[in-house]
């Protein structure tokens, strides 16, 4: 794997972690149950993607 490819993977994993933290932060602020459910589903899907991507390494 080239240095550029490794940097891309590192960047992608960093973005996924940032998104996860923002989902958790948003969940703490939401009052609407439907919106909370939507954000929880996005966070779960993001976690699955992160795990899949990480397992490729």
Protein backbone atom coordinates (compact mmCIF):
# COMPACT_ATOMS: atom_id res chain seq x y z
CA UNK A 1 0.00 0.00 0.00
CA UNK A 2 1.37 3.40 -0.91
CA UNK A 3 1.85 6.31 1.46
CA UNK A 4 -0.90 8.21 -0.31
CA UNK A 5 -3.33 5.30 0.12
CA UNK A 6 -2.50 5.03 3.82
CA UNK A 7 -3.07 8.76 4.26
CA UNK A 8 -6.43 8.44 2.54
CA UNK A 9 -7.45 5.61 4.86
CA UNK A 10 -6.31 7.56 7.91
CA UNK A 11 -8.30 10.57 6.73
CA UNK A 12 -11.43 8.51 6.05
CA UNK A 13 -11.27 6.86 9.49
CA UNK A 14 -10.80 10.28 11.09
CA UNK A 15 -13.87 11.62 9.31
CA UNK A 16 -15.91 8.63 10.45
CA UNK A 17 -14.84 9.16 14.06
CA UNK A 18 -15.67 12.87 13.84
CA UNK A 19 -19.11 12.09 12.41
CA UNK A 20 -19.72 9.60 15.24
CA UNK A 21 -18.82 12.18 17.87
CA UNK A 22 -21.13 14.75 16.26
CA UNK A 23 -23.98 12.24 16.20
CA UNK A 24 -23.51 11.59 19.92
CA UNK A 25 -23.36 15.31 20.64
CA UNK A 26 -26.51 15.91 18.61
CA UNK A 27 -28.37 13.09 20.32
CA UNK A 28 -27.85 14.82 23.64
CA UNK A 29 -29.46 17.99 22.31
CA UNK A 30 -32.46 16.64 20.43
CA UNK A 31 -35.92 16.58 21.94
CA UNK A 32 -37.88 15.17 19.00
CA UNK A 33 -38.11 11.36 19.20
CA UNK A 34 -38.25 10.89 15.42
CA UNK A 35 -35.12 12.98 14.90
CA UNK A 36 -33.34 11.11 17.67
CA UNK A 37 -34.21 7.81 16.01
CA UNK A 38 -32.92 9.10 12.67
CA UNK A 39 -29.61 10.26 14.17
CA UNK A 40 -29.23 6.99 16.09
CA UNK A 41 -29.70 5.04 12.86
CA UNK A 42 -27.12 7.22 11.09
CA UNK A 43 -24.68 6.69 13.95
CA UNK A 44 -25.20 2.91 13.84
CA UNK A 45 -24.72 2.79 10.07
CA UNK A 46 -21.61 4.94 10.38
CA UNK A 47 -20.24 2.58 13.04
CA UNK A 48 -20.84 -0.41 10.77
CA UNK A 49 -19.04 1.32 7.91
CA UNK A 50 -16.16 2.27 10.20
CA UNK A 51 -15.82 -1.31 11.46
CA UNK A 52 -15.96 -2.72 7.93
CA UNK A 53 -13.38 -0.25 6.70
CA UNK A 54 -11.13 -0.82 9.70
CA UNK A 55 -11.33 -4.60 9.31
CA UNK A 56 -9.91 -4.29 5.80
CA UNK A 57 -6.68 -3.11 7.34
